[in-house]
N, C-alpha and C. Protein backbone atom coordinates (compact mmCIF):
# COMPACT_ATOMS: atom_id res chain seq x y z
N UNK A 1 15.44 2.13 -8.80
CA UNK A 1 14.54 1.19 -8.63
C UNK A 1 15.01 0.56 -7.34
N UNK A 2 13.98 0.37 -6.45
CA UNK A 2 14.35 -0.61 -5.15
C UNK A 2 13.74 -1.76 -5.24
N UNK A 3 14.30 -3.04 -4.69
CA UNK A 3 13.71 -4.26 -4.66
C UNK A 3 13.85 -4.80 -3.34
N UNK A 4 12.89 -5.47 -2.81
CA UNK A 4 12.87 -6.06 -1.50
C UNK A 4 12.31 -7.39 -1.57
N UNK A 5 12.64 -8.19 -0.65
CA UNK A 5 12.31 -9.54 -0.52
C UNK A 5 11.44 -9.57 1.03
N UNK A 6 10.19 -10.32 0.84
CA UNK A 6 9.40 -10.34 2.04
C UNK A 6 9.12 -11.88 2.24
N UNK A 7 8.61 -12.39 3.40
CA UNK A 7 7.89 -13.54 3.49
C UNK A 7 6.75 -13.49 4.17
N UNK A 8 5.61 -14.01 3.40
CA UNK A 8 4.21 -14.02 3.84
C UNK A 8 3.89 -15.45 4.40
N UNK A 9 3.24 -15.46 5.51
CA UNK A 9 2.65 -16.63 6.21
C UNK A 9 1.07 -16.63 5.88
N UNK A 10 0.65 -18.05 5.94
CA UNK A 10 -0.75 -18.14 5.97
C UNK A 10 -1.54 -18.48 4.61
N UNK A 11 -0.73 -18.49 3.45
CA UNK A 11 -1.46 -18.54 2.06
C UNK A 11 -1.72 -20.08 1.84
N UNK A 12 -2.73 -20.19 1.38
CA UNK A 12 -3.05 -21.71 0.99
C UNK A 12 -3.71 -21.94 -0.44
N UNK A 13 -3.94 -20.90 -1.29
CA UNK A 13 -4.34 -21.14 -2.45
C UNK A 13 -3.87 -19.97 -3.51
N UNK A 14 -4.14 -20.14 -4.73
CA UNK A 14 -4.03 -19.15 -5.78
C UNK A 14 -4.78 -17.76 -5.34
N UNK A 15 -6.04 -17.95 -4.90
CA UNK A 15 -7.05 -16.88 -4.65
C UNK A 15 -6.26 -15.95 -3.55
N UNK A 16 -5.71 -16.70 -2.46
CA UNK A 16 -5.02 -16.06 -1.28
C UNK A 16 -3.77 -15.20 -1.99
N UNK A 17 -3.07 -15.79 -2.84
CA UNK A 17 -2.02 -15.16 -3.31
C UNK A 17 -2.33 -13.92 -4.39
N UNK A 18 -3.28 -14.15 -5.02
CA UNK A 18 -3.82 -13.21 -5.95
C UNK A 18 -4.20 -11.93 -5.06
N UNK A 19 -4.83 -11.93 -3.99
CA UNK A 19 -5.07 -11.12 -3.13
C UNK A 19 -3.99 -10.12 -2.36
N UNK A 20 -2.87 -10.80 -2.26
CA UNK A 20 -1.68 -10.39 -1.69
C UNK A 20 -1.22 -9.59 -2.86
N UNK A 21 -0.92 -10.12 -3.83
CA UNK A 21 -0.32 -9.61 -4.99
C UNK A 21 -0.87 -8.14 -5.42
N UNK A 22 -2.34 -8.20 -5.48
CA UNK A 22 -3.11 -6.96 -5.74
C UNK A 22 -3.02 -6.02 -4.83
N UNK A 23 -2.99 -6.32 -3.46
CA UNK A 23 -2.86 -5.29 -2.34
C UNK A 23 -1.44 -4.58 -2.57
N UNK A 24 -0.38 -5.32 -2.56
CA UNK A 24 0.98 -4.89 -2.65
C UNK A 24 0.99 -3.96 -3.96
N UNK A 25 0.64 -4.70 -5.03
CA UNK A 25 0.79 -3.72 -6.31
C UNK A 25 0.05 -2.56 -6.42
N UNK A 26 -0.86 -2.31 -5.48
CA UNK A 26 -1.69 -0.91 -5.33
C UNK A 26 -0.97 0.03 -4.68
N UNK A 27 0.15 -0.28 -4.00
CA UNK A 27 0.93 0.90 -3.37
C UNK A 27 1.59 1.70 -4.16
N UNK A 28 1.79 2.91 -3.99
CA UNK A 28 2.34 3.96 -4.93
C UNK A 28 3.78 3.66 -5.18
N UNK A 29 4.20 3.80 -6.54
CA UNK A 29 5.30 3.32 -6.87
C UNK A 29 5.79 1.92 -7.18
N UNK A 30 4.96 1.04 -6.88
CA UNK A 30 5.35 -0.40 -7.01
C UNK A 30 5.19 -0.71 -8.52
N UNK A 31 6.15 -1.20 -9.07
CA UNK A 31 6.11 -1.73 -10.58
C UNK A 31 5.87 -3.19 -10.93
N UNK A 32 6.68 -3.88 -9.86
CA UNK A 32 6.61 -5.51 -10.12
C UNK A 32 6.43 -6.16 -8.80
N UNK A 33 5.52 -7.06 -8.71
CA UNK A 33 5.29 -7.92 -7.57
C UNK A 33 5.30 -9.37 -7.92
N UNK A 34 6.13 -10.20 -7.36
CA UNK A 34 6.38 -11.48 -7.67
C UNK A 34 6.33 -12.35 -6.44
N UNK A 35 5.53 -13.46 -6.60
CA UNK A 35 5.51 -14.40 -5.48
C UNK A 35 5.39 -15.77 -5.76
N UNK A 36 6.09 -16.45 -4.87
CA UNK A 36 5.77 -18.08 -5.01
C UNK A 36 4.86 -18.48 -3.94
N UNK A 37 3.93 -19.42 -4.16
CA UNK A 37 3.04 -19.97 -3.25
C UNK A 37 3.51 -21.00 -2.67
N UNK A 38 3.87 -21.12 -1.29
CA UNK A 38 4.37 -22.08 -0.47
C UNK A 38 3.24 -22.52 0.54
N UNK A 39 2.62 -23.47 0.30
CA UNK A 39 1.50 -23.92 1.21
C UNK A 39 2.09 -24.53 2.47
N UNK A 40 1.40 -24.03 3.57
CA UNK A 40 2.00 -24.46 4.77
C UNK A 40 3.40 -23.96 5.30
N UNK A 41 3.81 -22.84 4.46
CA UNK A 41 5.20 -22.35 4.96
C UNK A 41 5.16 -20.84 4.50
N UNK A 42 6.28 -20.43 4.35
CA UNK A 42 6.56 -18.94 4.24
C UNK A 42 6.70 -18.71 2.74
N UNK A 43 5.78 -17.99 2.14
CA UNK A 43 5.87 -17.68 0.72
C UNK A 43 6.74 -16.48 0.39
N UNK A 44 7.61 -16.56 -0.32
CA UNK A 44 8.51 -15.38 -0.71
C UNK A 44 7.76 -14.37 -1.49
N UNK A 45 7.89 -13.22 -1.30
CA UNK A 45 7.23 -12.01 -2.01
C UNK A 45 8.14 -10.94 -2.29
N UNK A 46 8.48 -10.70 -3.64
CA UNK A 46 9.51 -9.91 -4.15
C UNK A 46 8.69 -8.62 -4.76
N UNK A 47 9.31 -7.57 -4.26
CA UNK A 47 8.51 -6.20 -4.66
C UNK A 47 9.67 -5.09 -5.07
N UNK A 48 9.37 -4.64 -6.29
CA UNK A 48 10.15 -3.75 -6.92
C UNK A 48 9.32 -2.40 -7.12
N UNK A 49 10.21 -1.27 -6.80
CA UNK A 49 9.11 -0.09 -6.94
C UNK A 49 10.21 0.93 -7.39
N UNK A 50 9.65 2.15 -7.91
CA UNK A 50 10.47 3.31 -8.36
C UNK A 50 11.02 4.13 -7.14
N UNK A 51 10.52 3.83 -5.96
CA UNK A 51 10.78 4.62 -4.92
C UNK A 51 11.00 3.45 -3.73
N UNK A 52 11.98 3.90 -2.67
CA UNK A 52 12.06 2.81 -1.70
C UNK A 52 10.73 2.88 -0.84
N UNK A 53 10.33 1.52 -0.59
CA UNK A 53 9.12 1.31 0.11
C UNK A 53 9.31 1.07 1.63
N UNK A 54 8.76 1.48 2.63
CA UNK A 54 9.00 1.06 3.90
C UNK A 54 8.25 -0.22 4.16
N UNK A 55 8.91 -0.94 4.91
CA UNK A 55 8.33 -2.29 5.49
C UNK A 55 7.10 -2.27 5.76
N UNK A 56 6.72 -1.06 6.59
CA UNK A 56 5.30 -0.91 7.30
C UNK A 56 4.43 -0.95 6.23
N UNK A 57 4.72 -0.24 5.04
CA UNK A 57 3.68 -0.01 3.97
C UNK A 57 3.23 -1.43 3.46
N UNK A 58 4.31 -2.10 3.27
CA UNK A 58 4.15 -3.52 2.53
C UNK A 58 3.41 -4.38 3.57
N UNK A 59 3.77 -4.32 4.94
CA UNK A 59 3.11 -5.01 5.89
C UNK A 59 1.76 -4.75 5.89
N UNK A 60 1.34 -3.52 5.62
CA UNK A 60 0.04 -3.00 6.02
C UNK A 60 -0.87 -3.68 4.70
N UNK A 61 -0.19 -3.47 3.66
CA UNK A 61 -1.04 -4.21 2.41
C UNK A 61 -1.27 -5.63 2.36
N UNK A 62 -0.19 -6.27 2.99
CA UNK A 62 -0.33 -7.89 3.25
C UNK A 62 -1.29 -8.01 4.30
N UNK A 63 -1.54 -7.33 5.37
CA UNK A 63 -2.57 -7.35 6.38
C UNK A 63 -3.75 -7.15 6.00
N UNK A 64 -3.84 -6.08 5.11
CA UNK A 64 -5.13 -5.71 4.43
C UNK A 64 -5.84 -6.93 3.64
N UNK A 65 -4.97 -7.75 3.13
CA UNK A 65 -5.16 -8.92 2.27
C UNK A 65 -5.65 -9.89 3.22
N UNK A 66 -5.28 -9.78 4.23
CA UNK A 66 -5.86 -11.02 5.35
C UNK A 66 -4.43 -12.04 5.84
N UNK A 67 -3.31 -11.39 5.54
CA UNK A 67 -2.03 -12.37 5.92
C UNK A 67 -1.26 -11.70 6.54
N UNK A 68 0.10 -12.32 7.00
CA UNK A 68 0.97 -11.78 8.00
C UNK A 68 2.43 -11.86 7.22
N UNK A 69 2.91 -10.65 7.48
CA UNK A 69 4.28 -10.43 6.73
C UNK A 69 5.32 -10.78 7.97
N UNK A 70 6.14 -11.91 7.68
CA UNK A 70 6.88 -12.26 8.81
C UNK A 70 8.26 -11.91 8.85
N UNK A 71 8.82 -11.70 7.68
CA UNK A 71 10.23 -11.08 7.57
C UNK A 71 10.47 -10.27 6.41
N UNK A 72 11.53 -9.25 6.41
CA UNK A 72 11.86 -8.82 5.11
C UNK A 72 13.45 -8.81 4.91
N UNK A 73 13.64 -8.90 3.77
CA UNK A 73 15.12 -9.17 3.05
C UNK A 73 15.35 -7.83 2.08
N UNK A 74 16.01 -6.96 2.41
CA UNK A 74 16.18 -5.92 1.43
C UNK A 74 17.24 -4.77 2.08
N UNK A 75 17.20 -3.56 1.67
CA UNK A 75 16.36 -3.13 0.61
C UNK A 75 16.38 -3.72 -0.78
N UNK A 76 17.62 -4.13 -1.26
CA UNK A 76 17.76 -4.63 -2.42
C UNK A 76 18.07 -6.26 -2.33
N UNK A 77 17.01 -7.10 -2.87
CA UNK A 77 17.14 -8.41 -2.96
C UNK A 77 17.61 -8.73 -4.23
N UNK A 78 18.83 -9.65 -4.19
CA UNK A 78 19.28 -10.06 -5.36
C UNK A 78 18.76 -11.44 -5.94
N UNK A 79 18.29 -12.15 -4.82
CA UNK A 79 17.92 -13.64 -5.32
C UNK A 79 16.56 -13.87 -4.42
N UNK A 80 16.05 -15.02 -4.83
CA UNK A 80 14.66 -15.42 -4.21
C UNK A 80 15.26 -16.54 -3.12
N UNK A 81 15.04 -17.59 -3.12
CA UNK A 81 15.49 -18.87 -2.30
C UNK A 81 14.89 -18.97 -0.96
N UNK A 82 13.87 -18.04 -0.64
CA UNK A 82 13.31 -18.32 0.67
C UNK A 82 12.19 -19.64 0.77
N UNK A 83 11.86 -20.16 -0.48
CA UNK A 83 10.88 -21.14 -0.49
C UNK A 83 11.69 -22.54 -0.37
N UNK A 84 10.88 -23.57 -0.33
CA UNK A 84 11.68 -24.91 -0.16
C UNK A 84 12.43 -25.28 -1.47
N UNK A 85 13.53 -25.82 -1.43
CA UNK A 85 14.36 -26.28 -2.40
C UNK A 85 13.75 -26.90 -3.53
N UNK A 86 14.00 -26.82 -4.74
CA UNK A 86 13.67 -27.77 -5.84
C UNK A 86 14.61 -28.42 -6.49
N UNK A 87 14.55 -29.77 -6.44
CA UNK A 87 15.57 -30.45 -7.35
C UNK A 87 15.43 -30.26 -8.64
N UNK A 88 16.72 -30.42 -9.38
CA UNK A 88 16.48 -30.33 -10.91
C UNK A 88 15.72 -31.61 -11.41
N UNK A 89 14.85 -31.24 -12.29
CA UNK A 89 14.04 -32.20 -12.94
C UNK A 89 12.84 -32.70 -12.03
N UNK A 90 12.49 -31.99 -10.99
CA UNK A 90 11.38 -32.32 -10.04
C UNK A 90 10.84 -30.93 -9.77
N UNK A 91 9.98 -31.05 -8.72
CA UNK A 91 9.65 -30.05 -7.97
C UNK A 91 9.02 -30.39 -6.64
N UNK A 92 9.00 -29.27 -5.68
CA UNK A 92 8.74 -29.64 -4.49
C UNK A 92 7.04 -29.83 -4.37
N UNK A 93 6.64 -30.53 -3.56
CA UNK A 93 5.06 -30.92 -3.56
C UNK A 93 4.34 -29.66 -2.87
N UNK A 94 4.92 -28.71 -2.15
CA UNK A 94 4.32 -27.62 -1.81
C UNK A 94 4.56 -26.42 -2.52
N UNK A 95 5.37 -26.51 -3.48
CA UNK A 95 5.67 -25.19 -4.27
C UNK A 95 4.94 -25.20 -5.48
N UNK A 96 4.12 -24.03 -5.81
CA UNK A 96 3.23 -24.01 -6.93
C UNK A 96 3.75 -22.88 -7.85
N UNK A 97 3.06 -22.46 -8.85
CA UNK A 97 3.53 -21.60 -9.78
C UNK A 97 3.73 -20.14 -9.24
N UNK A 98 4.56 -19.58 -9.97
CA UNK A 98 4.98 -18.07 -9.64
C UNK A 98 3.95 -17.09 -10.40
N UNK A 99 3.32 -16.18 -9.72
CA UNK A 99 2.48 -15.24 -10.43
C UNK A 99 2.98 -13.90 -10.21
N UNK A 100 3.01 -13.08 -11.26
CA UNK A 100 3.59 -11.79 -11.24
C UNK A 100 2.65 -10.76 -11.58
N UNK A 101 2.76 -9.45 -11.10
CA UNK A 101 2.10 -8.44 -11.52
C UNK A 101 2.94 -7.39 -11.95
N UNK A 102 2.72 -6.93 -13.21
CA UNK A 102 3.82 -5.88 -13.86
C UNK A 102 2.90 -4.93 -14.31
N UNK A 103 3.22 -3.76 -13.89
CA UNK A 103 2.60 -2.53 -14.09
C UNK A 103 2.56 -2.26 -15.69
N UNK A 104 1.42 -1.94 -16.30
CA UNK A 104 1.07 -1.91 -17.55
C UNK A 104 0.84 -3.13 -18.45
N UNK A 105 0.74 -4.17 -17.65
CA UNK A 105 0.62 -5.51 -18.38
C UNK A 105 -0.68 -6.19 -17.80
N UNK A 106 -1.47 -6.68 -18.57
CA UNK A 106 -2.80 -7.23 -17.95
C UNK A 106 -2.84 -8.73 -18.64
N UNK A 107 -3.48 -9.57 -17.92
CA UNK A 107 -3.58 -10.88 -18.48
C UNK A 107 -4.99 -11.31 -19.07
């Protein structure tokens, strides 16, 4: 299993994030896609797949959804942490819920 972290710019809403998640999840071998929506900043995107994905494949999927992939962290990302810090007991006003797509699970 290969896991990599990317940063996506330009997201403003849940619908935007859903489009990116669906586009990336449709790539061959992708099993899990997780993303934090950071409005007005870089939204971290974590992608796990059974095979190592090239950054260009992920970039193309993000661009097909209408957004820009600005950086990659990988191939093995162990943590997240690209979004704004969240204080214990509170939340950052620009940080919204995390949405994940996992192969074989539907909501």
